[in-house]
N, C-alpha and C. Protein backbone atom coordinates (compact mmCIF):
# COMPACT_ATOMS: atom_id res chain seq x y z
N MET A 1 0.92 -1.25 0.14
CA MET A 1 0.06 -0.02 -0.31
C MET A 1 0.75 1.21 -0.06
N GLY A 2 0.35 2.43 -1.03
CA GLY A 2 1.42 3.16 -1.11
C GLY A 2 1.01 4.67 0.50
N HIS A 3 1.89 5.05 0.76
CA HIS A 3 2.01 6.15 1.68
C HIS A 3 1.95 7.57 1.33
N VAL A 4 1.30 8.31 2.07
CA VAL A 4 1.95 9.81 1.35
C VAL A 4 2.16 10.27 2.61
N ILE A 5 3.33 10.73 2.72
CA ILE A 5 4.38 11.56 3.62
C ILE A 5 4.62 12.99 2.86
N VAL A 6 4.31 13.80 4.04
CA VAL A 6 4.29 14.98 4.19
C VAL A 6 4.94 15.96 5.66
N THR A 7 5.91 16.65 5.22
CA THR A 7 6.68 17.20 6.57
C THR A 7 6.78 18.87 6.18
N SER A 8 7.07 19.43 7.38
CA SER A 8 7.25 21.18 6.95
C SER A 8 7.99 21.23 6.09
N VAL A 9 9.05 20.60 6.09
CA VAL A 9 10.74 21.25 5.12
C VAL A 9 9.99 20.66 3.61
N SER A 10 9.05 19.46 3.44
CA SER A 10 8.87 19.11 2.11
C SER A 10 7.90 19.71 1.61
N LEU A 11 7.17 20.24 2.41
CA LEU A 11 6.09 20.84 1.64
C LEU A 11 6.79 22.22 1.38
N LEU A 12 7.86 22.83 2.43
CA LEU A 12 7.91 23.99 1.99
C LEU A 12 9.10 24.10 0.50
N TRP A 13 9.36 22.84 0.43
CA TRP A 13 10.30 22.74 -0.67
C TRP A 13 9.56 22.74 -1.93
N ILE A 14 7.91 22.35 -1.74
CA ILE A 14 7.36 22.21 -3.04
C ILE A 14 6.69 23.67 -2.96
N LEU A 15 6.24 24.09 -2.22
CA LEU A 15 6.05 25.79 -2.23
C LEU A 15 6.92 26.48 -2.94
N LEU A 16 7.89 26.76 -2.41
CA LEU A 16 9.18 27.24 -3.05
C LEU A 16 9.55 26.84 -4.55
N THR A 17 9.43 25.74 -4.72
CA THR A 17 9.77 25.11 -6.24
C THR A 17 8.63 25.98 -7.31
N VAL A 18 7.58 25.83 -6.82
CA VAL A 18 6.18 26.35 -7.87
C VAL A 18 6.57 28.20 -7.68
N ILE A 19 6.69 28.48 -6.58
CA ILE A 19 6.92 30.32 -6.94
C ILE A 19 7.99 30.47 -7.45
N SER A 20 9.40 29.77 -7.35
CA SER A 20 10.72 30.23 -8.39
C SER A 20 10.28 29.86 -9.79
N SER A 21 9.67 28.80 -10.00
CA SER A 21 9.37 28.87 -11.60
C SER A 21 8.58 29.77 -11.72
N LEU A 22 7.62 30.19 -10.99
CA LEU A 22 6.06 31.12 -11.62
C LEU A 22 6.90 33.04 -11.54
N ALA A 23 8.04 33.09 -10.52
CA ALA A 23 9.00 34.37 -10.44
C ALA A 23 9.49 34.59 -11.85
N VAL A 24 10.27 33.54 -12.33
CA VAL A 24 11.01 33.56 -13.47
C VAL A 24 10.10 33.87 -15.03
N PHE A 25 9.53 33.07 -14.92
CA PHE A 25 7.96 32.88 -15.98
C PHE A 25 7.59 34.19 -15.88
N TYR A 26 7.19 34.70 -15.05
CA TYR A 26 6.27 35.99 -15.06
C TYR A 26 7.61 37.11 -15.67
N ALA A 27 8.33 37.04 -15.03
CA ALA A 27 9.40 38.02 -15.67
C ALA A 27 10.17 38.09 -16.73
N LEU A 28 10.28 36.60 -17.25
CA LEU A 28 10.66 36.57 -18.76
C LEU A 28 9.58 36.91 -19.61
N PHE A 29 8.17 37.22 -19.51
CA PHE A 29 7.42 37.44 -20.38
C PHE A 29 6.94 38.92 -20.36
N THR A 30 7.22 39.51 -19.34
CA THR A 30 6.79 40.96 -18.91
C THR A 30 7.85 42.06 -19.62
N PRO A 31 7.79 42.83 -20.41
CA PRO A 31 8.62 43.67 -20.96
C PRO A 31 9.47 44.85 -20.01
N LYS A 32 9.60 44.39 -18.71
CA LYS A 32 10.32 45.75 -17.95
C LYS A 32 11.58 45.49 -17.46
N TRP A 33 12.64 44.73 -18.37
CA TRP A 33 13.94 44.66 -18.17
C TRP A 33 14.47 45.77 -17.82
N LEU A 34 14.52 46.46 -19.24
CA LEU A 34 15.08 47.46 -19.09
C LEU A 34 14.32 48.80 -19.25
N ILE A 35 14.47 50.12 -18.49
CA ILE A 35 13.62 51.43 -18.53
C ILE A 35 14.20 52.11 -19.10
N GLY A 36 14.07 52.75 -20.41
CA GLY A 36 14.52 53.97 -21.03
C GLY A 36 14.07 55.29 -20.57
N PRO A 37 15.33 56.27 -20.89
CA PRO A 37 14.89 57.48 -20.13
C PRO A 37 13.71 58.18 -20.56
N GLN A 38 13.00 59.02 -19.76
CA GLN A 38 11.84 59.68 -20.07
C GLN A 38 11.69 60.87 -21.38
N ARG A 39 10.78 60.42 -21.95
CA ARG A 39 10.33 61.38 -23.52
C ARG A 39 9.44 62.18 -23.22
N ILE A 40 9.67 63.34 -24.17
CA ILE A 40 8.80 64.22 -24.00
C ILE A 40 8.15 64.75 -25.08
N SER A 41 7.11 65.20 -25.38
CA SER A 41 6.52 65.56 -26.82
C SER A 41 6.32 66.93 -26.34
N TYR A 42 6.45 67.76 -27.31
CA TYR A 42 6.15 69.23 -27.70
C TYR A 42 4.73 69.29 -28.89
N GLY A 43 3.67 70.17 -28.12
CA GLY A 43 2.04 70.24 -28.69
C GLY A 43 2.41 71.72 -29.90
N GLU A 44 1.52 71.42 -30.54
CA GLU A 44 1.67 72.82 -31.12
C GLU A 44 1.42 74.12 -30.58
N ASN A 45 0.91 74.44 -29.42
CA ASN A 45 0.97 75.54 -28.44
C ASN A 45 2.66 75.21 -27.83
N GLY A 46 3.23 74.75 -28.14
CA GLY A 46 4.91 74.55 -27.18
C GLY A 46 5.05 73.95 -26.26
N SER A 47 3.57 73.63 -25.71
CA SER A 47 3.52 73.22 -23.98
C SER A 47 4.41 71.29 -23.90
N ALA A 48 5.16 71.33 -22.92
CA ALA A 48 5.93 69.71 -23.29
C ALA A 48 5.08 68.92 -22.74
N VAL A 49 4.58 67.70 -22.65
CA VAL A 49 3.82 66.32 -22.38
C VAL A 49 5.17 64.93 -22.25
N ALA A 50 4.86 64.50 -20.88
CA ALA A 50 5.86 63.54 -20.55
C ALA A 50 4.95 62.13 -21.38
N LEU A 51 5.69 61.46 -22.16
CA LEU A 51 4.87 60.05 -22.72
C LEU A 51 5.38 59.12 -22.01
N GLY A 52 6.35 59.12 -21.02
CA GLY A 52 6.47 58.22 -20.09
C GLY A 52 7.49 57.04 -20.83
N PRO A 53 8.20 56.76 -19.65
CA PRO A 53 9.40 55.94 -20.40
C PRO A 53 9.26 54.47 -21.15
N PRO A 54 9.96 53.94 -22.05
CA PRO A 54 9.50 53.03 -23.08
C PRO A 54 10.72 51.99 -22.20
N SER A 55 10.04 51.02 -22.52
CA SER A 55 10.72 49.56 -21.88
C SER A 55 11.09 48.60 -22.56
N VAL A 56 11.72 47.32 -22.31
CA VAL A 56 12.27 46.39 -23.47
C VAL A 56 12.31 45.13 -22.22
N GLY A 57 12.14 43.93 -22.75
CA GLY A 57 12.11 42.67 -21.96
C GLY A 57 13.18 42.34 -23.07
N VAL A 58 12.92 40.76 -22.95
CA VAL A 58 13.84 39.49 -23.31
C VAL A 58 13.55 39.49 -25.08
N PHE A 59 12.20 39.77 -25.29
CA PHE A 59 11.61 39.79 -26.33
C PHE A 59 10.61 40.48 -26.72
N ASN A 60 10.17 41.59 -26.12
CA ASN A 60 9.38 42.18 -26.51
C ASN A 60 9.45 43.47 -25.85
N ARG A 61 8.71 44.82 -25.70
CA ARG A 61 8.74 45.90 -25.34
C ARG A 61 7.34 46.53 -25.52
N CYS A 62 7.54 48.00 -24.65
CA CYS A 62 6.50 48.27 -24.72
C CYS A 62 7.27 50.19 -24.98
N THR A 63 6.30 50.44 -25.81
CA THR A 63 6.29 52.37 -25.98
C THR A 63 5.05 53.08 -25.51
N ARG A 64 5.10 54.31 -26.20
CA ARG A 64 3.89 55.01 -26.52
C ARG A 64 3.78 55.89 -27.60
N MET A 65 2.82 55.27 -28.78
CA MET A 65 2.39 55.71 -29.58
C MET A 65 1.16 56.43 -29.89
N ASP A 66 1.17 57.43 -30.47
CA ASP A 66 0.05 58.15 -30.69
C ASP A 66 -0.88 58.23 -29.39
N GLY A 67 -0.52 58.69 -28.55
CA GLY A 67 -0.57 58.82 -27.17
C GLY A 67 -1.40 57.77 -26.38
N GLU A 68 -0.76 56.45 -26.88
CA GLU A 68 -1.53 55.40 -26.27
C GLU A 68 -0.04 54.34 -26.21
N ARG A 69 -0.43 53.53 -24.50
CA ARG A 69 1.05 52.92 -24.65
C ARG A 69 0.72 51.53 -25.52
N SER A 70 1.60 51.00 -26.07
CA SER A 70 1.38 50.04 -27.03
C SER A 70 2.54 49.13 -26.69
N CYS A 71 2.57 47.80 -26.38
CA CYS A 71 3.12 46.50 -26.15
C CYS A 71 3.16 45.69 -27.02
N GLY A 72 4.35 45.04 -27.23
CA GLY A 72 4.07 43.99 -27.93
C GLY A 72 5.37 43.11 -28.21
N ILE A 73 5.16 41.96 -28.98
CA ILE A 73 6.78 41.60 -29.19
C ILE A 73 7.40 42.14 -30.70
N PHE A 74 8.59 42.11 -30.48
CA PHE A 74 9.65 42.06 -31.40
C PHE A 74 9.97 41.29 -32.03
N ALA A 75 10.43 40.47 -31.43
CA ALA A 75 10.93 38.72 -32.05
C ALA A 75 9.72 38.13 -32.73
N MET A 76 9.08 38.93 -33.88
CA MET A 76 8.64 38.12 -34.80
C MET A 76 8.53 36.74 -35.37
N ASP A 77 9.79 36.56 -35.77
CA ASP A 77 10.46 35.31 -36.62
C ASP A 77 11.47 34.67 -35.43
N GLY A 78 10.91 34.95 -34.39
CA GLY A 78 11.49 34.15 -33.48
C GLY A 78 13.05 34.01 -33.19
N LEU A 79 13.86 33.12 -33.10
CA LEU A 79 15.19 33.05 -33.51
C LEU A 79 15.69 33.51 -34.71
N SER A 80 15.00 33.54 -35.52
CA SER A 80 15.43 33.99 -36.92
C SER A 80 15.21 35.65 -37.27
N THR A 81 14.74 35.95 -36.34
CA THR A 81 14.61 37.53 -36.42
C THR A 81 15.77 38.30 -36.44
N ASP A 82 15.64 39.16 -37.57
CA ASP A 82 17.16 40.26 -37.41
C ASP A 82 17.89 40.35 -36.15
N SER A 83 19.20 40.20 -36.30
CA SER A 83 19.86 40.38 -35.06
C SER A 83 19.80 42.36 -34.68
N ASN A 84 19.68 42.72 -35.77
CA ASN A 84 19.23 44.51 -35.06
C ASN A 84 18.03 45.08 -34.65
N VAL A 85 17.12 43.94 -34.62
CA VAL A 85 15.91 43.73 -34.13
C VAL A 85 15.80 43.30 -32.28
N PHE A 86 16.55 42.09 -32.96
CA PHE A 86 16.11 40.81 -31.64
C PHE A 86 17.87 40.38 -31.28
N PRO A 87 18.36 41.09 -30.47
CA PRO A 87 19.98 41.22 -30.52
C PRO A 87 20.46 39.40 -30.11
N THR A 88 21.31 39.26 -30.83
CA THR A 88 21.92 37.64 -30.55
C THR A 88 22.17 36.99 -29.26
N PHE A 89 23.04 38.10 -28.71
CA PHE A 89 23.10 37.52 -27.15
C PHE A 89 21.35 37.62 -26.74
N TRP A 90 20.19 37.86 -27.05
CA TRP A 90 18.96 37.99 -26.10
C TRP A 90 18.40 36.66 -26.34
N LYS A 91 18.88 36.41 -28.13
CA LYS A 91 18.36 35.21 -28.53
C LYS A 91 19.16 33.93 -27.73
N ILE A 92 20.10 34.02 -27.53
CA ILE A 92 20.76 33.06 -26.41
C ILE A 92 20.27 32.99 -25.23
N SER A 93 20.02 34.31 -24.45
CA SER A 93 18.91 34.75 -22.83
C SER A 93 18.44 34.13 -22.95
N LEU A 94 17.22 33.86 -24.30
CA LEU A 94 15.78 33.40 -23.81
C LEU A 94 16.04 31.62 -24.14
N VAL A 95 16.89 31.19 -24.72
CA VAL A 95 16.96 29.97 -25.18
C VAL A 95 17.39 29.35 -23.61
N PHE A 96 18.26 30.13 -22.82
CA PHE A 96 18.58 29.67 -21.51
C PHE A 96 17.59 29.65 -20.74
N PHE A 97 16.61 30.98 -20.60
CA PHE A 97 15.74 30.85 -19.93
C PHE A 97 14.51 29.95 -20.27
N THR A 98 14.62 29.66 -21.46
CA THR A 98 13.31 28.53 -22.02
C THR A 98 13.59 27.30 -21.13
N LEU A 99 14.87 26.97 -21.21
CA LEU A 99 15.29 25.77 -20.95
C LEU A 99 15.08 25.86 -19.17
N GLY A 100 15.42 26.59 -18.74
CA GLY A 100 15.57 26.68 -17.25
C GLY A 100 13.75 26.24 -16.83
N ILE A 101 12.58 26.91 -17.32
CA ILE A 101 11.63 27.09 -16.83
C ILE A 101 11.40 25.91 -17.39
N THR A 102 11.39 25.20 -18.67
CA THR A 102 11.21 23.41 -18.63
C THR A 102 11.82 22.60 -17.85
N VAL A 103 12.65 22.64 -17.52
CA VAL A 103 13.10 22.07 -16.52
C VAL A 103 12.67 22.40 -14.96
N MET A 104 12.41 23.72 -15.09
CA MET A 104 11.69 23.65 -13.50
C MET A 104 10.24 23.15 -13.41
N ALA A 105 9.41 22.94 -14.60
CA ALA A 105 8.05 22.46 -14.70
C ALA A 105 8.15 21.23 -14.42
N PHE A 106 9.12 20.26 -14.88
CA PHE A 106 8.93 19.05 -14.83
C PHE A 106 9.30 18.78 -13.22
N THR A 107 10.40 19.49 -12.38
CA THR A 107 10.42 19.49 -11.03
C THR A 107 9.30 19.78 -10.21
N ALA A 108 8.93 20.81 -10.63
CA ALA A 108 7.58 21.11 -9.98
C ALA A 108 6.51 19.97 -10.06
N MET A 109 6.41 18.84 -10.82
CA MET A 109 5.37 17.95 -10.97
C MET A 109 6.33 17.02 -9.86
N ALA A 110 7.60 16.70 -10.26
CA ALA A 110 8.66 15.91 -9.49
C ALA A 110 7.91 15.88 -7.97
N ALA A 111 8.14 17.56 -7.73
CA ALA A 111 8.18 17.88 -5.72
C ALA A 111 6.44 17.50 -5.69
N LEU A 112 5.76 17.72 -6.49
CA LEU A 112 4.37 17.26 -5.91
C LEU A 112 3.75 15.84 -6.01
N LEU A 113 4.78 14.80 -7.03
CA LEU A 113 4.89 13.51 -6.70
C LEU A 113 5.34 13.09 -5.59
N SER A 114 6.44 13.97 -5.09
CA SER A 114 7.03 13.34 -4.10
C SER A 114 6.53 13.03 -2.61
N CYS A 115 5.17 13.44 -2.63
CA CYS A 115 4.25 12.99 -1.19
C CYS A 115 3.80 11.78 -1.42
N CYS A 116 3.85 11.08 -2.65
CA CYS A 116 3.44 9.63 -2.97
C CYS A 116 4.38 8.75 -2.96
N ILE A 117 5.56 9.34 -3.76
CA ILE A 117 6.59 8.65 -4.17
C ILE A 117 7.73 9.13 -3.77
N GLN A 118 8.57 8.67 -2.97
CA GLN A 118 9.95 8.95 -2.47
C GLN A 118 11.35 8.45 -3.11
N SER A 119 10.89 7.34 -3.95
CA SER A 119 11.75 7.28 -4.73
C SER A 119 11.60 6.36 -5.67
N VAL A 120 12.48 6.35 -6.53
CA VAL A 120 12.22 5.77 -8.37
C VAL A 120 13.76 5.17 -8.54
N ASN A 121 13.80 4.06 -9.12
CA ASN A 121 14.85 3.07 -9.42
C ASN A 121 15.79 3.32 -8.30
N LYS A 122 15.26 3.37 -6.98
CA LYS A 122 15.59 3.32 -5.82
C LYS A 122 16.99 4.20 -5.34
N LYS A 123 16.55 5.27 -5.93
CA LYS A 123 17.20 6.53 -6.10
C LYS A 123 16.21 7.88 -5.37
N SER A 124 16.88 8.39 -4.62
CA SER A 124 15.91 9.44 -3.60
C SER A 124 14.85 10.47 -4.84
N ILE A 125 13.92 10.72 -4.88
CA ILE A 125 13.48 11.93 -5.74
C ILE A 125 13.59 13.35 -5.58
N PHE A 126 13.94 13.31 -3.98
CA PHE A 126 14.25 14.61 -3.84
C PHE A 126 15.83 15.13 -4.30
N THR A 127 16.48 13.82 -4.12
CA THR A 127 18.28 14.24 -4.19
C THR A 127 18.28 14.87 -5.75
N VAL A 128 17.53 13.74 -6.81
CA VAL A 128 17.54 13.76 -8.01
C VAL A 128 17.09 14.94 -8.59
N THR A 129 15.81 15.53 -8.12
CA THR A 129 15.07 16.60 -7.97
C THR A 129 15.74 17.74 -7.72
N GLY A 130 16.54 17.75 -6.68
CA GLY A 130 17.41 18.94 -6.50
C GLY A 130 18.61 18.99 -7.53
N SER A 131 19.17 18.24 -7.83
CA SER A 131 20.18 17.89 -8.65
C SER A 131 19.65 18.96 -10.24
N VAL A 132 18.72 18.49 -10.40
CA VAL A 132 18.16 19.08 -11.77
C VAL A 132 17.49 20.50 -11.65
N GLN A 133 17.08 20.86 -10.43
CA GLN A 133 16.79 22.23 -10.18
C GLN A 133 17.98 23.16 -10.12
N ALA A 134 19.25 22.20 -9.60
CA ALA A 134 20.66 23.24 -9.62
C ALA A 134 21.07 23.41 -11.22
N LEU A 135 20.84 22.50 -11.82
CA LEU A 135 20.82 22.79 -13.15
C LEU A 135 20.08 23.86 -13.83
N ALA A 136 18.73 24.15 -13.80
CA ALA A 136 18.03 25.18 -13.77
C ALA A 136 18.14 26.32 -13.36
N GLY A 137 19.15 26.30 -12.18
CA GLY A 137 19.66 27.71 -11.90
C GLY A 137 20.71 27.77 -12.74
N LEU A 138 21.31 27.35 -12.84
CA LEU A 138 22.59 27.39 -14.05
C LEU A 138 22.25 27.88 -15.35
N PHE A 139 21.27 27.33 -15.70
CA PHE A 139 20.63 27.92 -16.86
C PHE A 139 20.17 29.47 -16.82
N TYR A 140 19.26 29.77 -15.92
CA TYR A 140 18.91 31.29 -15.44
C TYR A 140 20.06 31.81 -15.45
N ILE A 141 21.13 31.90 -14.63
CA ILE A 141 22.51 32.75 -14.33
C ILE A 141 23.02 32.83 -15.94
N LEU A 142 23.04 32.02 -16.45
CA LEU A 142 23.35 32.08 -17.78
C LEU A 142 22.77 32.73 -18.60
N GLY A 143 20.92 32.83 -18.55
CA GLY A 143 20.27 33.72 -19.18
C GLY A 143 20.33 35.27 -19.18
N ILE A 144 20.56 35.52 -17.70
CA ILE A 144 21.00 36.47 -16.94
C ILE A 144 22.21 37.20 -17.98
N ILE A 145 23.29 36.23 -17.64
CA ILE A 145 24.72 36.74 -17.97
C ILE A 145 24.71 37.47 -20.11
N MET A 146 23.60 36.19 -20.29
CA MET A 146 24.12 36.31 -21.79
C MET A 146 22.78 37.67 -22.20
N TYR A 147 22.33 38.11 -21.29
CA TYR A 147 21.19 39.50 -21.65
C TYR A 147 22.11 40.58 -21.36
N SER A 148 22.76 40.73 -20.02
CA SER A 148 23.30 41.51 -20.04
C SER A 148 24.73 42.11 -21.28
N ALA A 149 25.30 40.75 -21.51
CA ALA A 149 25.96 41.12 -22.80
C ALA A 149 25.52 41.75 -24.07
N GLY A 150 24.10 41.37 -24.02
CA GLY A 150 23.89 42.64 -24.82
C GLY A 150 23.22 43.69 -24.98
N TRP A 151 23.90 44.37 -24.13
CA TRP A 151 23.80 45.56 -23.51
C TRP A 151 24.04 46.68 -24.80
N GLY A 152 25.33 46.23 -25.48
CA GLY A 152 25.87 46.97 -26.84
C GLY A 152 25.09 46.44 -27.93
N SER A 153 24.23 46.11 -28.05
CA SER A 153 23.82 45.70 -29.46
C SER A 153 22.92 47.06 -29.64
N ALA A 154 22.41 47.24 -31.13
CA ALA A 154 22.14 48.44 -32.01
C ALA A 154 20.82 48.63 -31.13
N ARG A 155 19.88 47.28 -30.85
CA ARG A 155 18.52 47.95 -30.08
C ARG A 155 18.87 48.73 -28.87
N VAL A 156 19.84 48.24 -28.22
CA VAL A 156 20.08 48.87 -26.73
C VAL A 156 20.39 49.84 -26.83
N VAL A 157 21.64 50.80 -27.72
CA VAL A 157 21.87 52.18 -28.19
C VAL A 157 20.82 52.59 -28.50
N ARG A 158 19.84 52.23 -29.03
CA ARG A 158 18.65 53.31 -29.60
C ARG A 158 18.15 53.24 -28.46
N LEU A 159 17.99 53.06 -27.60
CA LEU A 159 17.18 52.84 -26.49
C LEU A 159 17.50 54.12 -25.44
N CYS A 160 19.06 53.19 -24.79
CA CYS A 160 19.82 53.64 -23.64
C CYS A 160 20.71 54.76 -24.28
N GLY A 161 20.84 54.99 -25.24
CA GLY A 161 22.04 55.95 -25.70
C GLY A 161 23.33 55.42 -26.40
N PRO A 162 24.01 56.06 -26.91
CA PRO A 162 25.30 56.05 -27.09
C PRO A 162 26.27 54.97 -26.44
N GLU A 163 25.63 55.24 -25.12
CA GLU A 163 27.54 54.93 -24.13
C GLU A 163 26.87 53.59 -23.80
N SER A 164 25.86 52.90 -24.20
CA SER A 164 25.80 51.67 -24.27
C SER A 164 26.18 50.75 -24.87
N GLN A 165 27.23 49.86 -23.24
CA GLN A 165 27.60 48.60 -24.08
C GLN A 165 27.60 47.34 -23.36
N PRO A 166 28.01 46.07 -23.68
CA PRO A 166 27.92 45.02 -22.72
C PRO A 166 28.11 45.45 -21.20
N PHE A 167 27.15 44.67 -20.66
CA PHE A 167 27.30 45.18 -18.95
C PHE A 167 26.82 46.72 -18.51
N TYR A 168 26.69 47.28 -19.25
CA TYR A 168 26.80 48.84 -19.18
C TYR A 168 25.56 49.62 -19.71
N LEU A 169 24.71 50.02 -18.49
CA LEU A 169 23.13 50.60 -19.44
C LEU A 169 23.10 51.83 -19.97
N GLY A 170 24.32 52.49 -19.72
CA GLY A 170 24.29 54.30 -20.33
C GLY A 170 22.64 54.72 -19.97
N ASP A 171 21.93 55.68 -20.73
CA ASP A 171 20.85 56.45 -19.44
C ASP A 171 19.76 55.38 -19.20
N CYS A 172 19.55 53.96 -19.38
CA CYS A 172 18.52 53.44 -19.10
C CYS A 172 18.51 52.97 -17.58
N SER A 173 17.95 52.04 -17.06
CA SER A 173 18.29 51.69 -15.77
C SER A 173 17.42 50.27 -15.84
N ILE A 174 17.74 49.71 -14.79
CA ILE A 174 17.18 48.07 -14.57
C ILE A 174 15.47 48.45 -13.87
N GLY A 175 14.22 47.59 -14.96
CA GLY A 175 13.19 47.10 -14.37
C GLY A 175 12.99 46.23 -13.21
N TRP A 176 11.83 46.17 -13.01
CA TRP A 176 11.55 45.08 -11.84
C TRP A 176 11.34 43.91 -12.55
N SER A 177 11.76 43.94 -13.83
CA SER A 177 11.48 42.42 -14.29
C SER A 177 12.57 41.34 -13.98
N VAL A 178 13.82 42.20 -13.61
CA VAL A 178 14.95 41.67 -13.73
C VAL A 178 15.14 41.38 -11.97
N TYR A 179 14.35 42.24 -11.03
CA TYR A 179 14.51 41.75 -9.56
C TYR A 179 13.74 40.52 -9.75
N SER A 180 12.58 40.48 -10.31
CA SER A 180 11.36 39.44 -10.32
C SER A 180 12.71 38.18 -11.03
N ALA A 181 13.33 37.90 -11.78
CA ALA A 181 13.91 37.22 -12.33
C ALA A 181 15.33 36.80 -11.26
N ILE A 182 15.78 37.79 -10.92
CA ILE A 182 16.76 37.39 -9.70
C ILE A 182 16.11 36.82 -8.82
N PHE A 183 14.80 37.35 -8.36
CA PHE A 183 14.11 36.69 -6.86
C PHE A 183 14.29 35.21 -7.47
N GLY A 184 13.53 34.58 -8.34
CA GLY A 184 13.44 33.35 -9.29
C GLY A 184 14.05 32.40 -9.10
N ILE A 185 15.86 33.11 -9.17
CA ILE A 185 16.41 32.28 -9.56
C ILE A 185 17.17 31.99 -7.95
N LEU A 186 17.29 32.93 -7.20
CA LEU A 186 17.77 32.68 -5.85
C LEU A 186 16.83 31.42 -5.44
N LEU A 187 15.73 31.79 -5.28
CA LEU A 187 14.91 30.73 -4.73
C LEU A 187 15.02 29.29 -5.41
N THR A 188 15.43 29.56 -6.59
CA THR A 188 16.09 27.82 -7.56
C THR A 188 16.75 27.22 -6.75
N LEU A 189 17.95 28.48 -6.47
CA LEU A 189 18.84 27.96 -5.68
C LEU A 189 18.84 27.23 -4.31
N ILE A 190 17.60 27.89 -3.58
CA ILE A 190 17.52 27.73 -2.35
C ILE A 190 16.64 26.44 -2.69
N THR A 191 15.80 25.98 -3.42
CA THR A 191 15.38 24.88 -3.45
C THR A 191 15.96 23.79 -4.14
N ALA A 192 16.88 23.99 -4.83
CA ALA A 192 17.82 22.72 -4.75
C ALA A 192 18.80 22.63 -3.45
N SER A 193 18.87 23.15 -2.37
CA SER A 193 19.70 23.30 -1.39
C SER A 193 18.60 22.25 -0.66
N LEU A 194 17.49 23.04 -0.42
CA LEU A 194 16.70 22.23 0.54
C LEU A 194 15.90 20.89 0.44
N SER A 195 16.54 20.36 -0.97
CA SER A 195 15.94 19.08 -1.41
C SER A 195 16.45 18.46 -0.20
N VAL A 196 17.43 18.34 -0.03
CA VAL A 196 18.73 17.52 0.56
C VAL A 196 17.56 17.24 2.15
N TYR A 197 17.10 18.11 2.56
CA TYR A 197 16.45 18.17 4.13
C TYR A 197 15.21 17.92 3.97
N ALA A 198 14.66 17.94 2.72
CA ALA A 198 13.59 17.57 2.64
C ALA A 198 13.24 15.75 2.52
N GLU A 199 14.79 15.33 1.71
CA GLU A 199 14.70 14.10 1.65
C GLU A 199 14.72 13.38 3.16
N LYS A 200 16.02 14.07 4.06
CA LYS A 200 16.04 13.83 5.37
C LYS A 200 14.64 13.39 6.24
N THR A 201 14.03 14.23 6.07
CA THR A 201 12.75 14.70 6.82
C THR A 201 11.67 13.67 6.43
N THR A 202 11.96 13.17 5.65
CA THR A 202 10.83 12.20 5.17
C THR A 202 11.32 10.98 5.11
N SER A 203 12.59 10.41 5.42
CA SER A 203 13.14 9.36 5.67
C SER A 203 13.45 9.24 7.04
N SER A 204 13.24 9.70 8.40
CA SER A 204 13.69 10.29 9.05
C SER A 204 13.08 8.47 10.15
N ASP A 205 13.41 8.61 11.09
CA ASP A 205 12.60 7.63 11.96
C ASP A 205 11.60 7.78 12.35
N LYS A 206 11.06 8.99 12.57
CA LYS A 206 9.62 9.23 13.05
C LYS A 206 8.85 9.23 12.12
N VAL A 207 9.08 8.86 10.70
CA VAL A 207 8.29 8.57 9.66
C VAL A 207 8.11 7.45 9.75
N SER A 208 9.23 6.52 9.64
CA SER A 208 9.13 5.07 9.77
C SER A 208 8.33 4.45 10.55
N GLU A 209 8.47 5.05 11.99
CA GLU A 209 7.42 4.82 13.18
C GLU A 209 5.74 4.57 12.88
N HIS A 210 5.60 5.85 12.03
CA HIS A 210 4.26 5.84 11.65
C HIS A 210 3.90 5.20 10.49
N VAL A 211 4.51 4.98 9.69
CA VAL A 211 4.73 4.05 8.30
C VAL A 211 4.30 2.46 8.91
N GLU A 212 5.48 2.07 10.04
CA GLU A 212 4.97 0.83 10.73
C GLU A 212 4.00 0.55 11.43
N LYS A 213 3.54 1.64 11.93
CA LYS A 213 1.88 1.67 12.60
C LYS A 213 0.73 1.04 11.50
N GLY A 214 1.12 1.35 10.23
CA GLY A 214 0.57 0.83 9.43
C GLY A 214 -0.59 2.33 8.65
N GLU A 215 -0.12 3.79 9.01
CA GLU A 215 -0.70 4.95 8.61
C GLU A 215 -0.26 4.92 7.39
N THR A 216 -1.32 5.37 6.56
CA THR A 216 -1.09 5.92 4.80
C THR A 216 -1.01 7.42 4.78
N LEU A 217 -1.20 7.87 5.54
CA LEU A 217 -0.85 9.41 5.67
C LEU A 217 -0.40 9.77 6.85
N VAL A 218 0.95 10.20 6.90
CA VAL A 218 1.77 11.02 7.74
C VAL A 218 2.17 12.26 7.73
N CYS A 219 1.85 13.35 8.19
CA CYS A 219 2.22 14.64 8.51
C CYS A 219 2.74 14.92 9.79
N LEU A 220 4.21 15.41 9.55
CA LEU A 220 5.17 16.12 10.49
C LEU A 220 5.94 17.18 10.40
N LEU A 221 5.42 18.16 11.39
CA LEU A 221 5.71 19.35 11.31
C LEU A 221 7.40 19.27 11.97
């Protein structure tokens, strides 16, 4: 008969796995990675109107056109989009982030299954999943590095000024999407480490005692 085993550490591990995945996923699809300088429009009477700063993400952007804010994808042809429009380094960054999110999606499912299945082929599902999560964290870090390396591209120079270069933004500033991505990366690395402790708590002597008593649902704080 199968057993459902949940401890406070394993539950925390599951929650952080899901939250870290959502944080990076949300950051990737929001065009708030770089915030350009404030733009001013002058009316017919000479009055100045602030249009609001444009922003750009990994593959999308937001700007103000005809008085309305317009957001959309600039990588219309995917990875085959012209490099002047979609910088090569950002294409590589998108690939790394996509790999990381895909890996984390599978680990999230594995984390949920860990309540019922603690081992696969005599290998702990916690430690195996934790190792894969560490790999996802590496993909994320490489994605951030590649994105920063693309700051010297023609697209960023048009937005941030001629002083822009790899790892230097010129007149632009970091948007909150970057902080969301960094938050997700840190959580991913924490979950990878936490998997070891989750494995220990679910295979502890206390859990074994409850299982030997015939309990099918074991919950320990």
